[in-house]
N, C-alpha and C. Protein backbone atom coordinates (compact mmCIF):
# COMPACT_ATOMS: atom_id res chain seq x y z
N UNK A 1 0.85 -1.17 0.00
CA UNK A 1 0.00 0.00 0.00
C UNK A 1 0.89 1.24 0.00
N UNK A 2 0.62 2.23 -0.88
CA UNK A 2 1.48 3.40 -0.97
C UNK A 2 1.61 4.17 0.34
N UNK A 3 0.54 4.22 1.15
CA UNK A 3 0.61 4.97 2.40
C UNK A 3 1.62 4.36 3.37
N UNK A 4 1.79 3.06 3.32
CA UNK A 4 2.74 2.40 4.22
C UNK A 4 4.18 2.65 3.81
N UNK A 5 4.42 2.87 2.51
CA UNK A 5 5.78 3.11 2.02
C UNK A 5 6.13 4.58 2.01
N UNK A 6 5.14 5.46 2.05
CA UNK A 6 5.39 6.88 1.93
C UNK A 6 5.65 7.26 0.49
N UNK A 7 5.84 8.53 0.24
CA UNK A 7 6.07 9.02 -1.10
C UNK A 7 7.48 9.59 -1.17
N UNK A 8 8.32 9.00 -2.00
CA UNK A 8 9.70 9.47 -2.14
C UNK A 8 9.72 10.66 -3.10
N UNK A 9 10.08 11.84 -2.59
CA UNK A 9 10.11 13.04 -3.42
C UNK A 9 11.52 13.39 -3.88
N UNK A 10 12.50 12.96 -3.14
CA UNK A 10 13.90 13.13 -3.52
C UNK A 10 14.70 12.10 -2.73
N UNK A 11 15.96 11.88 -3.08
CA UNK A 11 16.74 10.87 -2.36
C UNK A 11 16.77 11.15 -0.86
N UNK A 12 16.34 10.18 -0.10
CA UNK A 12 16.36 10.29 1.36
C UNK A 12 15.18 11.03 1.96
N UNK A 13 14.24 11.53 1.15
CA UNK A 13 13.08 12.26 1.67
C UNK A 13 11.81 11.50 1.31
N UNK A 14 11.06 11.12 2.34
CA UNK A 14 9.78 10.44 2.15
C UNK A 14 8.70 11.20 2.91
N UNK A 15 7.55 11.32 2.30
CA UNK A 15 6.42 11.99 2.92
C UNK A 15 5.42 10.92 3.37
N UNK A 16 5.09 10.94 4.66
CA UNK A 16 4.22 9.91 5.21
C UNK A 16 2.82 10.42 5.50
N UNK A 17 2.69 11.68 5.89
CA UNK A 17 1.40 12.21 6.30
C UNK A 17 1.02 13.43 5.47
N UNK A 18 -0.23 13.84 5.59
CA UNK A 18 -0.70 15.03 4.88
C UNK A 18 0.02 16.27 5.40
N UNK A 19 0.31 16.31 6.69
CA UNK A 19 1.04 17.45 7.26
C UNK A 19 2.42 17.58 6.63
N UNK A 20 3.11 16.47 6.43
CA UNK A 20 4.42 16.50 5.79
C UNK A 20 4.33 16.96 4.33
N UNK A 21 3.26 16.57 3.65
CA UNK A 21 3.06 16.99 2.26
C UNK A 21 2.86 18.50 2.18
N UNK A 22 2.04 19.05 3.07
CA UNK A 22 1.79 20.49 3.09
C UNK A 22 3.09 21.24 3.40
N UNK A 23 3.86 20.76 4.35
CA UNK A 23 5.15 21.39 4.67
C UNK A 23 6.09 21.34 3.46
N UNK A 24 6.11 20.21 2.77
CA UNK A 24 6.96 20.05 1.59
C UNK A 24 6.57 21.06 0.50
N UNK A 25 5.27 21.23 0.27
CA UNK A 25 4.81 22.18 -0.74
C UNK A 25 5.19 23.61 -0.37
N UNK A 26 5.13 23.93 0.92
CA UNK A 26 5.47 25.29 1.36
C UNK A 26 6.96 25.57 1.22
N UNK A 27 7.79 24.62 1.60
CA UNK A 27 9.23 24.81 1.54
C UNK A 27 9.69 24.99 0.10
N UNK A 28 9.15 24.18 -0.80
CA UNK A 28 9.55 24.25 -2.20
C UNK A 28 8.81 25.34 -2.98
N UNK A 29 7.78 25.95 -2.37
CA UNK A 29 7.01 26.98 -3.06
C UNK A 29 6.18 26.44 -4.21
N UNK A 30 5.82 25.19 -4.14
CA UNK A 30 5.04 24.56 -5.20
C UNK A 30 3.54 24.71 -4.96
N UNK A 31 2.79 24.57 -6.03
CA UNK A 31 1.33 24.54 -5.94
C UNK A 31 0.90 23.09 -5.90
N UNK A 32 0.01 22.78 -4.96
CA UNK A 32 -0.53 21.43 -4.86
C UNK A 32 -1.88 21.35 -5.54
N UNK A 33 -2.26 20.15 -5.91
CA UNK A 33 -3.57 19.91 -6.51
C UNK A 33 -4.23 18.79 -5.71
N UNK A 34 -5.47 19.01 -5.29
CA UNK A 34 -6.18 18.01 -4.51
C UNK A 34 -7.47 17.64 -5.22
N UNK A 35 -7.78 16.36 -5.22
CA UNK A 35 -9.01 15.91 -5.86
C UNK A 35 -9.43 14.57 -5.27
N UNK A 36 -10.71 14.37 -5.19
CA UNK A 36 -11.25 13.09 -4.75
C UNK A 36 -11.53 12.22 -5.94
N UNK A 37 -11.30 10.93 -5.80
CA UNK A 37 -11.58 10.01 -6.89
C UNK A 37 -12.36 8.82 -6.35
N UNK A 38 -13.22 8.29 -7.19
CA UNK A 38 -14.05 7.15 -6.81
C UNK A 38 -13.53 5.88 -7.45
N UNK A 39 -13.57 4.81 -6.68
CA UNK A 39 -13.14 3.50 -7.17
C UNK A 39 -14.34 2.56 -7.04
N UNK A 40 -14.83 2.04 -8.15
CA UNK A 40 -15.99 1.14 -8.09
C UNK A 40 -15.66 -0.13 -7.29
N UNK A 41 -16.62 -0.58 -6.49
CA UNK A 41 -16.47 -1.81 -5.71
C UNK A 41 -17.74 -2.64 -5.85
N UNK A 42 -17.64 -3.89 -5.45
CA UNK A 42 -18.83 -4.74 -5.44
C UNK A 42 -19.75 -4.29 -4.32
N UNK A 43 -21.02 -4.48 -4.52
CA UNK A 43 -22.00 -4.09 -3.51
C UNK A 43 -21.83 -4.96 -2.27
N UNK A 44 -21.85 -4.35 -1.07
CA UNK A 44 -21.75 -5.15 0.15
C UNK A 44 -22.91 -6.14 0.25
N UNK A 45 -22.69 -7.22 0.95
CA UNK A 45 -23.68 -8.29 1.05
C UNK A 45 -24.96 -7.78 1.71
N UNK A 46 -26.07 -8.44 1.36
CA UNK A 46 -27.37 -8.09 1.95
C UNK A 46 -27.31 -8.31 3.46
N UNK A 47 -27.89 -7.38 4.19
CA UNK A 47 -27.88 -7.48 5.64
C UNK A 47 -26.64 -6.88 6.27
N UNK A 48 -25.69 -6.44 5.46
CA UNK A 48 -24.47 -5.83 5.95
C UNK A 48 -24.78 -4.44 6.50
N UNK A 49 -24.22 -4.12 7.65
CA UNK A 49 -24.44 -2.81 8.25
C UNK A 49 -23.88 -1.72 7.34
N UNK A 50 -24.59 -0.61 7.24
CA UNK A 50 -24.18 0.55 6.44
C UNK A 50 -24.00 0.21 4.96
N UNK A 51 -24.81 -0.67 4.45
CA UNK A 51 -24.71 -1.08 3.05
C UNK A 51 -24.94 0.10 2.09
N UNK A 52 -25.84 1.01 2.45
CA UNK A 52 -26.18 2.14 1.59
C UNK A 52 -25.11 3.23 1.57
N UNK A 53 -24.18 3.20 2.49
CA UNK A 53 -23.16 4.25 2.54
C UNK A 53 -22.20 4.18 1.36
N UNK A 54 -22.14 3.06 0.69
CA UNK A 54 -21.18 2.89 -0.41
C UNK A 54 -21.75 3.35 -1.75
N UNK A 55 -23.02 3.76 -1.78
CA UNK A 55 -23.61 4.20 -3.03
C UNK A 55 -23.21 5.65 -3.28
N UNK A 56 -22.56 5.86 -4.39
CA UNK A 56 -22.13 7.20 -4.77
C UNK A 56 -23.28 7.95 -5.42
N UNK A 57 -23.56 9.15 -4.94
CA UNK A 57 -24.62 9.94 -5.53
C UNK A 57 -24.22 10.49 -6.89
N UNK A 58 -22.93 10.63 -7.12
CA UNK A 58 -22.46 11.21 -8.38
C UNK A 58 -22.60 10.21 -9.53
N UNK A 59 -22.09 9.02 -9.34
CA UNK A 59 -22.09 8.03 -10.42
C UNK A 59 -23.16 6.96 -10.27
N UNK A 60 -23.95 7.00 -9.21
CA UNK A 60 -25.03 6.03 -8.97
C UNK A 60 -24.51 4.60 -9.01
N UNK A 61 -23.40 4.37 -8.33
CA UNK A 61 -22.83 3.03 -8.26
C UNK A 61 -22.19 2.86 -6.89
N UNK A 62 -21.86 1.65 -6.55
CA UNK A 62 -21.17 1.37 -5.30
C UNK A 62 -19.70 1.72 -5.48
N UNK A 63 -19.17 2.50 -4.56
CA UNK A 63 -17.80 2.96 -4.72
C UNK A 63 -17.19 3.32 -3.36
N UNK A 64 -15.89 3.42 -3.35
CA UNK A 64 -15.16 4.00 -2.23
C UNK A 64 -14.42 5.22 -2.79
N UNK A 65 -14.16 6.20 -1.92
CA UNK A 65 -13.48 7.42 -2.35
C UNK A 65 -12.14 7.54 -1.66
N UNK A 66 -11.22 8.16 -2.36
CA UNK A 66 -9.94 8.50 -1.78
C UNK A 66 -9.57 9.90 -2.23
N UNK A 67 -8.82 10.61 -1.41
CA UNK A 67 -8.38 11.97 -1.73
C UNK A 67 -6.91 11.91 -2.09
N UNK A 68 -6.57 12.48 -3.26
CA UNK A 68 -5.20 12.44 -3.76
C UNK A 68 -4.66 13.87 -3.82
N UNK A 69 -3.42 14.04 -3.34
CA UNK A 69 -2.73 15.33 -3.43
C UNK A 69 -1.52 15.13 -4.32
N UNK A 70 -1.39 16.00 -5.34
CA UNK A 70 -0.24 15.94 -6.25
C UNK A 70 0.46 17.29 -6.25
N UNK A 71 1.66 17.32 -6.78
CA UNK A 71 2.33 18.60 -6.98
C UNK A 71 1.92 19.14 -8.35
N UNK A 72 2.44 20.28 -8.73
CA UNK A 72 2.08 20.91 -10.00
C UNK A 72 2.40 20.06 -11.21
N UNK A 73 3.40 19.18 -11.09
CA UNK A 73 3.78 18.32 -12.20
C UNK A 73 2.97 17.05 -12.29
N UNK A 74 2.05 16.82 -11.35
CA UNK A 74 1.22 15.63 -11.38
C UNK A 74 1.77 14.45 -10.60
N UNK A 75 2.87 14.64 -9.88
CA UNK A 75 3.45 13.55 -9.09
C UNK A 75 2.63 13.36 -7.81
N UNK A 76 2.18 12.15 -7.55
CA UNK A 76 1.35 11.86 -6.38
C UNK A 76 2.19 12.01 -5.11
N UNK A 77 1.70 12.85 -4.20
CA UNK A 77 2.39 13.07 -2.93
C UNK A 77 1.67 12.41 -1.76
N UNK A 78 0.34 12.27 -1.87
CA UNK A 78 -0.44 11.71 -0.77
C UNK A 78 -1.70 11.07 -1.33
N UNK A 79 -2.04 9.93 -0.81
CA UNK A 79 -3.27 9.24 -1.15
C UNK A 79 -3.91 8.81 0.16
N UNK A 80 -5.09 9.32 0.43
CA UNK A 80 -5.73 9.08 1.73
C UNK A 80 -6.30 7.68 1.83
N UNK A 81 -6.62 7.26 3.04
CA UNK A 81 -7.37 6.00 3.19
C UNK A 81 -8.74 6.15 2.55
N UNK A 82 -9.33 5.05 2.15
CA UNK A 82 -10.62 5.10 1.47
C UNK A 82 -11.75 5.38 2.45
N UNK A 83 -12.79 5.99 1.92
CA UNK A 83 -14.02 6.29 2.64
C UNK A 83 -15.17 5.75 1.80
N UNK A 84 -16.34 5.54 2.40
CA UNK A 84 -17.49 5.12 1.60
C UNK A 84 -17.82 6.14 0.51
N UNK A 85 -18.39 5.69 -0.59
CA UNK A 85 -18.67 6.53 -1.74
C UNK A 85 -19.65 7.65 -1.51
N UNK A 86 -20.44 7.58 -0.44
CA UNK A 86 -21.42 8.63 -0.20
C UNK A 86 -20.80 9.87 0.45
N UNK A 87 -19.54 9.83 0.79
CA UNK A 87 -18.84 10.94 1.42
C UNK A 87 -18.48 12.00 0.38
N UNK A 88 -18.84 13.26 0.63
CA UNK A 88 -18.52 14.35 -0.30
C UNK A 88 -17.03 14.70 -0.22
N UNK A 89 -16.51 15.28 -1.30
CA UNK A 89 -15.09 15.65 -1.35
C UNK A 89 -14.73 16.64 -0.24
N UNK A 90 -15.56 17.63 -0.01
CA UNK A 90 -15.25 18.64 1.00
C UNK A 90 -15.27 18.03 2.41
N UNK A 91 -16.18 17.10 2.65
CA UNK A 91 -16.23 16.42 3.94
C UNK A 91 -15.00 15.56 4.14
N UNK A 92 -14.59 14.88 3.11
CA UNK A 92 -13.40 14.04 3.18
C UNK A 92 -12.17 14.89 3.48
N UNK A 93 -12.05 16.05 2.82
CA UNK A 93 -10.91 16.94 3.07
C UNK A 93 -10.91 17.45 4.50
N UNK A 94 -12.08 17.78 5.01
CA UNK A 94 -12.17 18.24 6.41
C UNK A 94 -11.79 17.12 7.38
N UNK A 95 -12.26 15.90 7.11
CA UNK A 95 -11.95 14.79 8.00
C UNK A 95 -10.47 14.44 7.98
N UNK A 96 -9.79 14.70 6.88
CA UNK A 96 -8.34 14.47 6.80
C UNK A 96 -7.56 15.52 7.59
N UNK A 97 -8.23 16.63 7.94
CA UNK A 97 -7.57 17.69 8.70
C UNK A 97 -6.94 18.76 7.83
N UNK A 98 -7.34 18.84 6.57
CA UNK A 98 -6.75 19.82 5.66
C UNK A 98 -7.03 21.25 6.13
N UNK A 99 -8.22 21.50 6.64
CA UNK A 99 -8.58 22.84 7.10
C UNK A 99 -7.69 23.24 8.27
N UNK A 100 -7.49 22.35 9.21
CA UNK A 100 -6.64 22.66 10.38
C UNK A 100 -5.19 22.88 9.97
N UNK A 101 -4.72 22.11 8.99
CA UNK A 101 -3.33 22.25 8.55
C UNK A 101 -3.08 23.56 7.83
N UNK A 102 -4.05 24.04 7.09
CA UNK A 102 -3.86 25.24 6.28
C UNK A 102 -4.34 26.53 6.94
N UNK A 103 -5.28 26.44 7.89
CA UNK A 103 -5.91 27.64 8.45
C UNK A 103 -4.90 28.59 9.09
N UNK A 104 -4.09 28.12 9.97
CA UNK A 104 -3.15 29.01 10.64
C UNK A 104 -1.71 28.65 10.33
N UNK A 105 -1.54 27.70 9.47
CA UNK A 105 -0.21 27.18 9.20
C UNK A 105 0.49 27.86 8.05
N UNK A 106 1.28 27.09 7.34
CA UNK A 106 2.12 27.64 6.27
C UNK A 106 1.30 28.13 5.08
N UNK A 107 1.91 28.98 4.30
CA UNK A 107 1.23 29.57 3.13
C UNK A 107 1.42 28.68 1.91
N UNK A 108 0.62 27.66 1.82
CA UNK A 108 0.66 26.76 0.66
C UNK A 108 -0.53 27.08 -0.23
N UNK A 109 -0.36 26.93 -1.52
CA UNK A 109 -1.45 27.15 -2.47
C UNK A 109 -1.90 25.79 -2.98
N UNK A 110 -3.18 25.48 -2.79
CA UNK A 110 -3.74 24.20 -3.20
C UNK A 110 -4.88 24.48 -4.18
N UNK A 111 -4.81 23.89 -5.36
CA UNK A 111 -5.88 24.00 -6.35
C UNK A 111 -6.85 22.84 -6.15
N UNK A 112 -8.14 23.13 -6.21
CA UNK A 112 -9.15 22.10 -6.02
C UNK A 112 -10.29 22.32 -7.01
N UNK A 113 -11.09 21.29 -7.20
CA UNK A 113 -12.23 21.43 -8.11
C UNK A 113 -13.45 21.94 -7.34
N UNK A 114 -14.58 21.98 -8.01
CA UNK A 114 -15.80 22.54 -7.42
C UNK A 114 -16.31 21.73 -6.24
N UNK A 115 -15.87 20.49 -6.09
CA UNK A 115 -16.29 19.67 -4.96
C UNK A 115 -15.76 20.16 -3.63
N UNK A 116 -14.80 21.07 -3.65
CA UNK A 116 -14.21 21.60 -2.41
C UNK A 116 -14.53 23.08 -2.23
N UNK A 117 -15.55 23.59 -2.91
CA UNK A 117 -15.90 25.00 -2.73
C UNK A 117 -16.29 25.24 -1.29
N UNK A 118 -15.75 26.28 -0.72
CA UNK A 118 -15.99 26.60 0.68
C UNK A 118 -14.73 26.44 1.50
N UNK A 119 -13.80 25.62 1.05
CA UNK A 119 -12.55 25.44 1.79
C UNK A 119 -11.67 26.68 1.72
N UNK A 120 -11.82 27.47 0.65
CA UNK A 120 -11.03 28.68 0.51
C UNK A 120 -11.30 29.65 1.64
N UNK A 121 -12.57 29.82 2.00
CA UNK A 121 -12.92 30.72 3.09
C UNK A 121 -12.45 30.18 4.44
N UNK A 122 -12.44 28.88 4.60
CA UNK A 122 -12.05 28.27 5.87
C UNK A 122 -10.54 28.21 6.06
N UNK A 123 -9.79 28.31 4.96
CA UNK A 123 -8.33 28.20 5.05
C UNK A 123 -7.62 29.51 4.76
N UNK A 124 -8.34 30.60 4.75
CA UNK A 124 -7.72 31.89 4.50
C UNK A 124 -7.27 32.07 3.06
N UNK A 125 -7.98 31.46 2.12
CA UNK A 125 -7.67 31.61 0.71
C UNK A 125 -6.56 30.71 0.20
N UNK A 126 -6.12 29.76 0.99
CA UNK A 126 -5.04 28.86 0.56
C UNK A 126 -5.53 27.77 -0.38
N UNK A 127 -6.82 27.44 -0.31
CA UNK A 127 -7.41 26.49 -1.25
C UNK A 127 -8.16 27.30 -2.30
N UNK A 128 -7.80 27.12 -3.55
CA UNK A 128 -8.39 27.90 -4.64
C UNK A 128 -9.31 26.99 -5.45
N UNK A 129 -10.56 27.41 -5.55
CA UNK A 129 -11.57 26.65 -6.29
C UNK A 129 -12.17 27.54 -7.37
N UNK A 130 -12.84 26.97 -8.35
CA UNK A 130 -13.51 27.80 -9.36
C UNK A 130 -14.60 28.64 -8.70
N UNK A 131 -14.92 29.80 -9.28
CA UNK A 131 -15.98 30.63 -8.71
C UNK A 131 -17.31 29.87 -8.67
N UNK A 132 -18.08 30.17 -7.66
CA UNK A 132 -19.34 29.46 -7.46
C UNK A 132 -20.41 29.88 -8.46
N UNK A 133 -20.39 31.13 -8.82
CA UNK A 133 -21.48 31.67 -9.62
C UNK A 133 -21.02 31.97 -11.05
N UNK A 134 -21.83 31.64 -12.01
CA UNK A 134 -21.57 31.98 -13.40
C UNK A 134 -22.52 33.10 -13.83
N UNK A 135 -21.96 34.16 -14.35
CA UNK A 135 -22.77 35.27 -14.84
C UNK A 135 -22.94 35.09 -16.34
N UNK A 136 -24.18 35.14 -16.80
CA UNK A 136 -24.44 34.99 -18.22
C UNK A 136 -24.31 36.32 -18.94
N UNK A 137 -24.69 37.41 -18.29
CA UNK A 137 -24.60 38.74 -18.89
C UNK A 137 -24.07 39.73 -17.87
N UNK A 138 -23.35 40.69 -18.33
CA UNK A 138 -22.87 41.80 -17.52
C UNK A 138 -22.16 41.34 -16.24
N UNK A 139 -21.14 40.55 -16.41
CA UNK A 139 -20.38 40.08 -15.25
C UNK A 139 -19.65 41.24 -14.59
N UNK A 140 -19.58 41.27 -13.24
CA UNK A 140 -18.86 42.35 -12.57
C UNK A 140 -17.36 42.27 -12.84
N UNK A 141 -16.65 43.38 -12.59
CA UNK A 141 -15.22 43.44 -12.88
C UNK A 141 -14.44 42.39 -12.10
N UNK A 142 -14.78 42.20 -10.82
CA UNK A 142 -14.01 41.26 -10.01
C UNK A 142 -14.12 39.84 -10.58
N UNK A 143 -15.25 39.50 -11.19
CA UNK A 143 -15.43 38.17 -11.76
C UNK A 143 -14.56 38.00 -13.00
N UNK A 144 -14.50 39.04 -13.82
CA UNK A 144 -13.68 38.99 -15.04
C UNK A 144 -12.19 38.92 -14.70
N UNK A 145 -11.77 39.59 -13.62
CA UNK A 145 -10.37 39.59 -13.22
C UNK A 145 -9.93 38.21 -12.73
N UNK A 146 -10.85 37.50 -12.09
CA UNK A 146 -10.53 36.16 -11.59
C UNK A 146 -10.20 35.22 -12.76
N UNK A 147 -10.90 35.37 -13.87
CA UNK A 147 -10.73 34.46 -15.00
C UNK A 147 -9.56 34.81 -15.91
N UNK A 148 -8.88 35.93 -15.66
CA UNK A 148 -7.72 36.29 -16.49
C UNK A 148 -6.51 35.47 -16.12
């Protein structure tokens, strides 16, 4: 399992935890990318406790989710333990402690998709997500500046 071996980023340097990954990104001044991914699984047996927790609302299938953090070049730095498929990306990130690590800690820049909207406000702008609202006509100046 990759989590047991850690992630080798350079000779003699291995990252074992999410906290170490965040520190590594800050020291090197790199931008991190975080995203949740679903892995299809067989449906748990009938009568199994929490059988419905594995149903993903996004893909309407039984799945487990994991959160992956990469550097700007796409190299995997962290892969979280799996969670049931019904867990939202933002909830998974909070349960991993990402908000606590970034809120008062180092100034790391993490890019995320729309599944993590709201983390930017909780982490002091360290998590960057796409804007929540799309303007069809007469977009304000601040909205146009974000997209440049």
